[in-house]
Every structure is written in C-alpha cells, then in structure tokens.
Amino acid sequence: MTNAKQAPLNRKVLTGKIRSSFLYVVEPKEDMNGNLKFSLEVLTPKGDKATLEAYAKAIENAKTEKWGNNPPSNLHIPVRDGDVAGPSGMGDKSAEPGSEPYGGHFFFTASNTKPVTVLDQNRRPIIVESDIKSGDYFHASLEFYGYEAKNQKGTIVKKGVGVSLRGLMLIEKGEALGSDFDATGDFDSIEAAEATDADLSFLG
C-alpha cells in the first residue's frame, strides 16, 4: 500500500470582470492593527455565475485543506451580499443595502502584506498609484485560505476563510468611488476558472 501525498486542492480563482473599491494596490495602507497591506474590495456582479461558482469551490477547498472533511460550523465566510443587511450582507457598513456600488453584487476584501502584481490592459506593470482608482474594473487573481485567529493569550477567537490578493489586470476605467512573487502568468488565460457542482450556499 502506497502513502502517496495528496495533491493540494485548488484554492485560486481568476475572476471575470470585477469592480474595485477601497483600492490600495500600488501603495499599501495601514489597517486597524497597524499592519501595512495591499488591498481592495472586490465587487462581483451576481450575473457572473462562473466566477461565483469558482469562489464557492475555492472556499470549500480552503475549508477542507485547513480542517479536513469536518470543518467548524461557525466559520466566517468572506463573501457578502450587497443587497441585504446583516452579517452576511452590508453588516456595519454605512451604505444602504442595494445602494451603489454594492447593489447587484457580492463583495469581499482581498489583501496581502506583500506587493502584488498590477497590470494594465496590455499586461504592462502599473507602478503609479494615480493610474488606477476605486471604481475601475479588473480581472483579479485571488487565493482563498482557512485561518484561525488568536488573541494575545493564544486562545482561538475566530475561524474562517480569508482571501489573499495575488494580482490585478485592468480591464477598463470606471466612475470613481469615494510582491515578492510574480502573478503575471496568472492572466495568460483570461477566462474565469471553471467550477462544476459547486456549493453555492453562500448565495442564500
């Protein structure tokens, strides 16, 4: 009997056309804990079923890779609904459910403490922050992962799935809204990743 190591589950997603908000991907921004992060809010249209199915599959794979076949029942799932109120929707945001730009979209934050790849429409690096803005449209290269957050005493206080930002490729400019690794090759095949038989329970 062989003990072949199981191949890692696919937790990466190359999205379809997403809109950006709170865009800090050329220069990092300090978060609430004082950590500098490259980040954005990813707004995915509800009509983009291929990308949503890819999210769902990547989330399930992240859960399985972290906790096996019996993940905790109280996991925090990052994807939220811009048309509803509450923890699975707008939550503590000041914007009203269904308001611009959240209406008709699922959304979540993706971030990285390391520099990320940012390309223009011709796959050339964008290095000037003013060349892009919140409201612009991109393809995003993302990676989902399971995590357990601990307090200063080492006690686990939260379990969930997070989203790491690997890179962005600009598609088109939009109306403005108030790495030591290279993800350039992630955009060689620009169609969103396919996912079949995906669990779409997070869609409600």
C-alpha atoms as a PDB file:
ATOM      1  CA  MET A   1       0.000   0.000   0.000  1.00  0.00           C
ATOM      2  CA  THR A   2       1.462   3.353  -1.010  1.00  0.00           C
ATOM      3  CA  ASN A   3       1.320   6.540   1.019  1.00  0.00           C
ATOM      4  CA  ALA A   4       1.227   8.956  -1.909  1.00  0.00           C
ATOM      5  CA  LYS A   5       0.826  12.535  -0.802  1.00  0.00           C
ATOM      6  CA  GLN A   6      -2.485  14.037  -1.896  1.00  0.00           C
ATOM      7  CA  ALA A   7      -2.176  16.919  -4.349  1.00  0.00           C
ATOM      8  CA  PRO A   8      -3.084  20.326  -2.875  1.00  0.00           C
ATOM      9  CA  LEU A   9      -6.647  21.401  -3.505  1.00  0.00           C
ATOM     10  CA  ASN A  10      -7.130  24.323  -5.880  1.00  0.00           C
ATOM     11  CA  ARG A  11      -7.846  27.459  -3.857  1.00  0.00           C
ATOM     12  CA  LYS A  12      -7.024  30.002  -6.571  1.00  0.00           C
ATOM     13  CA  VAL A  13      -9.537  31.943  -8.644  1.00  0.00           C
ATOM     14  CA  LEU A  14      -9.027  34.101 -11.723  1.00  0.00           C
ATOM     15  CA  THR A  15     -12.142  36.252 -11.802  1.00  0.00           C
ATOM     16  CA  GLY A  16     -14.271  37.624 -14.552  1.00  0.00           C
ATOM     17  CA  LYS A  17     -14.852  41.382 -14.624  1.00  0.00           C
ATOM     18  CA  ILE A  18     -14.942  42.776 -11.091  1.00  0.00           C
ATOM     19  CA  ARG A  19     -15.268  46.349  -9.882  1.00  0.00           C
ATOM     20  CA  SER A  20     -12.847  47.720  -7.299  1.00  0.00           C
ATOM     21  CA  SER A  21     -13.494  49.745  -4.177  1.00  0.00           C
ATOM     22  CA  PHE A  22     -11.148  50.896  -1.399  1.00  0.00           C
ATOM     23  CA  LEU A  23      -8.275  50.273  -3.823  1.00  0.00           C
ATOM     24  CA  TYR A  24      -4.768  50.281  -2.292  1.00  0.00           C
ATOM     25  CA  VAL A  25      -2.682  48.014  -4.515  1.00  0.00           C
ATOM     26  CA  VAL A  26       0.265  50.133  -5.655  1.00  0.00           C
ATOM     27  CA  GLU A  27       0.973  51.685  -2.250  1.00  0.00           C
ATOM     28  CA  PRO A  28      -0.057  49.806   0.908  1.00  0.00           C
ATOM     29  CA  LYS A  29      -2.432  51.198   3.518  1.00  0.00           C
ATOM     30  CA  GLU A  30      -2.245  50.683   7.274  1.00  0.00           C
ATOM     31  CA  ASP A  31      -5.055  48.512   8.644  1.00  0.00           C
ATOM     32  CA  MET A  32      -6.752  48.754  12.051  1.00  0.00           C
ATOM     33  CA  ASN A  33      -3.967  46.676  13.630  1.00  0.00           C
ATOM     34  CA  GLY A  34      -1.213  48.891  12.285  1.00  0.00           C
ATOM     35  CA  ASN A  35      -0.160  46.466   9.535  1.00  0.00           C
ATOM     36  CA  LEU A  36       0.616  47.754   6.048  1.00  0.00           C
ATOM     37  CA  LYS A  37      -1.431  45.893   3.441  1.00  0.00           C
ATOM     38  CA  PHE A  38      -2.105  45.983  -0.285  1.00  0.00           C
ATOM     39  CA  SER A  39      -5.851  45.515  -0.597  1.00  0.00           C
ATOM     40  CA  LEU A  40      -9.134  46.195  -2.331  1.00  0.00           C
ATOM     41  CA  GLU A  41     -12.802  45.409  -2.004  1.00  0.00           C
ATOM     42  CA  VAL A  42     -13.809  43.018  -4.792  1.00  0.00           C
ATOM     43  CA  LEU A  43     -17.316  43.628  -6.192  1.00  0.00           C
ATOM     44  CA  THR A  44     -18.541  40.720  -8.319  1.00  0.00           C
ATOM     45  CA  PRO A  45     -21.771  41.008 -10.356  1.00  0.00           C
ATOM     46  CA  LYS A  46     -24.407  38.449  -9.380  1.00  0.00           C
ATOM     47  CA  GLY A  47     -24.798  37.561 -13.043  1.00  0.00           C
ATOM     48  CA  ASP A  48     -21.218  36.244 -13.251  1.00  0.00           C
ATOM     49  CA  LYS A  49     -22.106  32.682 -12.264  1.00  0.00           C
ATOM     50  CA  ALA A  50     -18.761  31.243 -13.401  1.00  0.00           C
ATOM     51  CA  THR A  51     -16.783  33.446 -11.023  1.00  0.00           C
ATOM     52  CA  LEU A  52     -19.242  32.914  -8.165  1.00  0.00           C
ATOM     53  CA  GLU A  53     -19.047  29.148  -8.620  1.00  0.00           C
ATOM     54  CA  ALA A  54     -15.241  29.411  -8.615  1.00  0.00           C
ATOM     55  CA  TYR A  55     -15.415  31.327  -5.310  1.00  0.00           C
ATOM     56  CA  ALA A  56     -17.654  28.656  -3.818  1.00  0.00           C
ATOM     57  CA  LYS A  57     -15.361  25.828  -4.909  1.00  0.00           C
ATOM     58  CA  ALA A  58     -12.245  27.630  -3.647  1.00  0.00           C
ATOM     59  CA  ILE A  59     -13.933  28.292  -0.284  1.00  0.00           C
ATOM     60  CA  GLU A  60     -14.831  24.617   0.084  1.00  0.00           C
ATOM     61  CA  ASN A  61     -11.286  23.600  -0.839  1.00  0.00           C
ATOM     62  CA  ALA A  62      -9.827  26.069   1.670  1.00  0.00           C
ATOM     63  CA  LYS A  63     -12.055  24.629   4.405  1.00  0.00           C
ATOM     64  CA  THR A  64     -11.124  21.056   3.520  1.00  0.00           C
ATOM     65  CA  GLU A  65      -7.406  21.809   3.337  1.00  0.00           C
ATOM     66  CA  LYS A  66      -7.437  23.521   6.742  1.00  0.00           C
ATOM     67  CA  TRP A  67      -9.885  21.346   8.694  1.00  0.00           C
ATOM     68  CA  GLY A  68     -10.434  18.182   6.651  1.00  0.00           C
ATOM     69  CA  ASN A  69     -13.905  16.822   5.975  1.00  0.00           C
ATOM     70  CA  ASN A  70     -15.386  18.178   9.225  1.00  0.00           C
ATOM     71  CA  PRO A  71     -14.809  21.941   9.268  1.00  0.00           C
ATOM     72  CA  PRO A  72     -16.168  24.011  12.191  1.00  0.00           C
ATOM     73  CA  SER A  73     -19.800  25.045  11.791  1.00  0.00           C
ATOM     74  CA  ASN A  74     -19.287  28.679  12.833  1.00  0.00           C
ATOM     75  CA  LEU A  75     -16.757  29.675  10.190  1.00  0.00           C
ATOM     76  CA  HIS A  76     -16.609  33.266   8.967  1.00  0.00           C
ATOM     77  CA  ILE A  77     -17.145  33.230   5.186  1.00  0.00           C
ATOM     78  CA  PRO A  78     -15.862  36.388   3.440  1.00  0.00           C
ATOM     79  CA  VAL A  79     -18.374  36.672   0.558  1.00  0.00           C
ATOM     80  CA  ARG A  80     -21.220  39.043   1.423  1.00  0.00           C
ATOM     81  CA  ASP A  81     -24.395  40.141  -0.364  1.00  0.00           C
ATOM     82  CA  GLY A  82     -24.636  43.817  -1.302  1.00  0.00           C
ATOM     83  CA  ASP A  83     -28.429  43.686  -1.424  1.00  0.00           C
ATOM     84  CA  VAL A  84     -29.113  42.548   2.144  1.00  0.00           C
ATOM     85  CA  ALA A  85     -28.477  43.843   5.659  1.00  0.00           C
ATOM     86  CA  GLY A  86     -26.794  41.960   8.477  1.00  0.00           C
ATOM     87  CA  PRO A  87     -23.586  39.952   8.949  1.00  0.00           C
ATOM     88  CA  SER A  88     -23.883  38.151   5.606  1.00  0.00           C
ATOM     89  CA  GLY A  89     -24.604  41.419   3.823  1.00  0.00           C
ATOM     90  CA  MET A  90     -23.851  45.067   4.471  1.00  0.00           C
ATOM     91  CA  GLY A  91     -23.232  44.477   8.185  1.00  0.00           C
ATOM     92  CA  ASP A  92     -21.666  47.537   9.822  1.00  0.00           C
ATOM     93  CA  LYS A  93     -21.275  49.464   6.569  1.00  0.00           C
ATOM     94  CA  SER A  94     -22.878  52.883   6.411  1.00  0.00           C
ATOM     95  CA  ALA A  95     -24.145  52.223   2.865  1.00  0.00           C
ATOM     96  CA  GLU A  96     -27.715  51.034   2.446  1.00  0.00           C
ATOM     97  CA  PRO A  97     -28.344  47.520   1.084  1.00  0.00           C
ATOM     98  CA  GLY A  98     -28.717  47.676  -2.696  1.00  0.00           C
ATOM     99  CA  SER A  99     -27.045  51.065  -2.967  1.00  0.00           C
ATOM    100  CA  GLU A 100     -24.269  51.959  -5.418  1.00  0.00           C
ATOM    101  CA  PRO A 101     -21.849  50.266  -5.870  1.00  0.00           C
ATOM    102  CA  TYR A 102     -22.946  47.221  -3.828  1.00  0.00           C
ATOM    103  CA  GLY A 103     -26.384  46.600  -5.347  1.00  0.00           C
ATOM    104  CA  GLY A 104     -26.439  43.559  -7.610  1.00  0.00           C
ATOM    105  CA  HIS A 105     -23.041  42.388  -6.371  1.00  0.00           C
ATOM    106  CA  PHE A 106     -21.389  40.044  -3.908  1.00  0.00           C
ATOM    107  CA  PHE A 107     -18.357  41.602  -2.255  1.00  0.00           C
ATOM    108  CA  PHE A 108     -15.377  40.882  -0.012  1.00  0.00           C
ATOM    109  CA  THR A 109     -11.955  42.259   0.849  1.00  0.00           C
ATOM    110  CA  ALA A 110      -8.777  40.688  -0.560  1.00  0.00           C
ATOM    111  CA  SER A 111      -5.370  41.722   0.762  1.00  0.00           C
ATOM    112  CA  ASN A 112      -1.692  40.880   1.013  1.00  0.00           C
ATOM    113  CA  THR A 113       1.170  42.166   3.159  1.00  0.00           C
ATOM    114  CA  LYS A 114       3.466  41.608   0.161  1.00  0.00           C
ATOM    115  CA  PRO A 115       3.452  43.691  -3.054  1.00  0.00           C
ATOM    116  CA  VAL A 116       1.041  42.379  -5.678  1.00  0.00           C
ATOM    117  CA  THR A 117       1.154  42.306  -9.471  1.00  0.00           C
ATOM    118  CA  VAL A 118      -0.863  45.128 -11.077  1.00  0.00           C
ATOM    119  CA  LEU A 119      -1.069  45.185 -14.884  1.00  0.00           C
ATOM    120  CA  ASP A 120      -2.696  47.417 -17.475  1.00  0.00           C
ATOM    121  CA  GLN A 121      -4.765  46.147 -20.414  1.00  0.00           C
ATOM    122  CA  ASN A 122      -1.550  45.261 -22.301  1.00  0.00           C
ATOM    123  CA  ARG A 123      -0.112  43.316 -19.335  1.00  0.00           C
ATOM    124  CA  ARG A 124       2.388  46.073 -18.556  1.00  0.00           C
ATOM    125  CA  PRO A 125       3.075  46.777 -14.865  1.00  0.00           C
ATOM    126  CA  ILE A 126       1.251  49.717 -13.298  1.00  0.00           C
ATOM    127  CA  ILE A 127       3.607  51.413 -10.840  1.00  0.00           C
ATOM    128  CA  VAL A 128       1.991  54.834 -10.409  1.00  0.00           C
ATOM    129  CA  GLU A 129      -0.872  54.909  -7.919  1.00  0.00           C
ATOM    130  CA  SER A 130      -2.760  57.648  -9.749  1.00  0.00           C
ATOM    131  CA  ASP A 131      -3.052  55.492 -12.891  1.00  0.00           C
ATOM    132  CA  ILE A 132      -5.866  53.472 -11.277  1.00  0.00           C
ATOM    133  CA  LYS A 133      -8.628  54.294  -8.813  1.00  0.00           C
ATOM    134  CA  SER A 134     -11.535  52.828  -6.867  1.00  0.00           C
ATOM    135  CA  GLY A 135     -14.323  52.207  -9.364  1.00  0.00           C
ATOM    136  CA  ASP A 136     -12.074  50.797 -12.097  1.00  0.00           C
ATOM    137  CA  TYR A 137     -12.723  47.290 -13.451  1.00  0.00           C
ATOM    138  CA  PHE A 138     -10.226  44.430 -13.281  1.00  0.00           C
ATOM    139  CA  HIS A 139      -9.591  40.735 -13.553  1.00  0.00           C
ATOM    140  CA  ALA A 140      -8.310  39.616 -10.134  1.00  0.00           C
ATOM    141  CA  SER A 141      -6.053  36.719  -9.214  1.00  0.00           C
ATOM    142  CA  LEU A 142      -7.100  35.523  -5.741  1.00  0.00           C
ATOM    143  CA  GLU A 143      -6.296  32.703  -3.352  1.00  0.00           C
ATOM    144  CA  PHE A 144      -8.657  31.551  -0.584  1.00  0.00           C
ATOM    145  CA  TYR A 145      -7.304  30.059   2.664  1.00  0.00           C
ATOM    146  CA  GLY A 146      -8.522  28.853   6.040  1.00  0.00           C
ATOM    147  CA  TYR A 147      -7.348  30.630   9.190  1.00  0.00           C
ATOM    148  CA  GLU A 148      -7.631  30.606  12.972  1.00  0.00           C
ATOM    149  CA  ALA A 149      -7.192  33.991  14.671  1.00  0.00           C
ATOM    150  CA  LYS A 150      -5.836  34.023  18.219  1.00  0.00           C
ATOM    151  CA  ASN A 151      -5.804  36.649  20.961  1.00  0.00           C
ATOM    152  CA  GLN A 152      -2.718  37.666  22.951  1.00  0.00           C
ATOM    153  CA  LYS A 153      -3.183  34.670  25.267  1.00  0.00           C
ATOM    154  CA  GLY A 154      -3.094  32.262  22.333  1.00  0.00           C
ATOM    155  CA  THR A 155      -6.783  31.421  22.521  1.00  0.00           C
ATOM    156  CA  ILE A 156      -8.535  30.954  19.190  1.00  0.00           C
ATOM    157  CA  VAL A 157     -11.200  33.653  18.919  1.00  0.00           C
ATOM    158  CA  LYS A 158     -12.214  33.338  15.281  1.00  0.00           C
ATOM    159  CA  LYS A 159     -12.101  30.764  12.495  1.00  0.00           C
ATOM    160  CA  GLY A 160     -12.851  31.460   8.887  1.00  0.00           C
ATOM    161  CA  VAL A 161     -11.812  31.712   5.273  1.00  0.00           C
ATOM    162  CA  GLY A 162      -9.754  34.661   4.068  1.00  0.00           C
ATOM    163  CA  VAL A 163      -8.838  35.932   0.620  1.00  0.00           C
ATOM    164  CA  SER A 164      -5.289  36.710  -0.456  1.00  0.00           C
ATOM    165  CA  LEU A 165      -4.804  39.148  -3.336  1.00  0.00           C
ATOM    166  CA  ARG A 166      -2.171  37.975  -5.831  1.00  0.00           C
ATOM    167  CA  GLY A 167      -2.673  40.455  -8.648  1.00  0.00           C
ATOM    168  CA  LEU A 168      -4.937  42.570 -10.841  1.00  0.00           C
ATOM    169  CA  MET A 169      -5.210  43.294 -14.533  1.00  0.00           C
ATOM    170  CA  LEU A 170      -7.052  46.447 -15.580  1.00  0.00           C
ATOM    171  CA  ILE A 171      -9.983  45.946 -17.957  1.00  0.00           C
ATOM    172  CA  GLU A 172     -11.437  49.440 -18.180  1.00  0.00           C
ATOM    173  CA  LYS A 173     -11.728  52.677 -16.261  1.00  0.00           C
ATOM    174  CA  GLY A 174     -14.879  53.203 -14.239  1.00  0.00           C
ATOM    175  CA  GLU A 175     -16.657  56.007 -12.455  1.00  0.00           C
ATOM    176  CA  ALA A 176     -14.629  56.949  -9.388  1.00  0.00           C
ATOM    177  CA  LEU A 177     -15.624  55.594  -5.989  1.00  0.00           C
ATOM    178  CA  GLY A 178     -15.373  57.597  -2.776  1.00  0.00           C
ATOM    179  CA  SER A 179       5.273  41.248  -4.422  1.00  0.00           C
ATOM    180  CA  ASP A 180       7.912  39.391  -3.899  1.00  0.00           C
ATOM    181  CA  PHE A 181       6.085  36.913  -6.107  1.00  0.00           C
ATOM    182  CA  ASP A 182       5.050  37.489  -9.704  1.00  0.00           C
ATOM    183  CA  ALA A 183       1.445  36.732 -10.669  1.00  0.00           C
ATOM    184  CA  THR A 184       1.858  37.979 -14.248  1.00  0.00           C
ATOM    185  CA  GLY A 185       1.402  34.456 -15.647  1.00  0.00           C
ATOM    186  CA  ASP A 186      -1.923  34.118 -13.835  1.00  0.00           C
ATOM    187  CA  PHE A 187      -3.523  36.163 -16.610  1.00  0.00           C
ATOM    188  CA  ASP A 188      -2.275  34.130 -19.597  1.00  0.00           C
ATOM    189  CA  SER A 189      -5.713  32.517 -19.850  1.00  0.00           C
ATOM    190  CA  ILE A 190      -8.136  35.279 -19.054  1.00  0.00           C
ATOM    191  CA  GLU A 191     -11.370  33.285 -18.805  1.00  0.00           C
ATOM    192  CA  ALA A 192     -12.545  32.759 -15.238  1.00  0.00           C
ATOM    193  CA  ALA A 193     -11.769  29.387 -13.709  1.00  0.00           C
ATOM    194  CA  GLU A 194     -14.439  26.734 -14.268  1.00  0.00           C
ATOM    195  CA  ALA A 195     -16.079  25.018 -11.342  1.00  0.00           C
ATOM    196  CA  THR A 196     -18.704  22.314 -11.613  1.00  0.00           C
ATOM    197  CA  ASP A 197     -21.041  21.034  -8.934  1.00  0.00           C
ATOM    198  CA  ALA A 198     -20.011  23.909  -6.695  1.00  0.00           C
ATOM    199  CA  ASP A 199     -21.772  24.608  -3.423  1.00  0.00           C
ATOM    200  CA  LEU A 200     -23.458  27.989  -3.798  1.00  0.00           C
ATOM    201  CA  SER A 201     -24.969  28.045  -0.308  1.00  0.00           C
ATOM    202  CA  PHE A 202     -23.304  31.354   0.459  1.00  0.00           C
ATOM    203  CA  LEU A 203     -25.506  32.926  -2.215  1.00  0.00           C
ATOM    204  CA  GLY A 204     -28.502  32.410   0.046  1.00  0.00           C
END
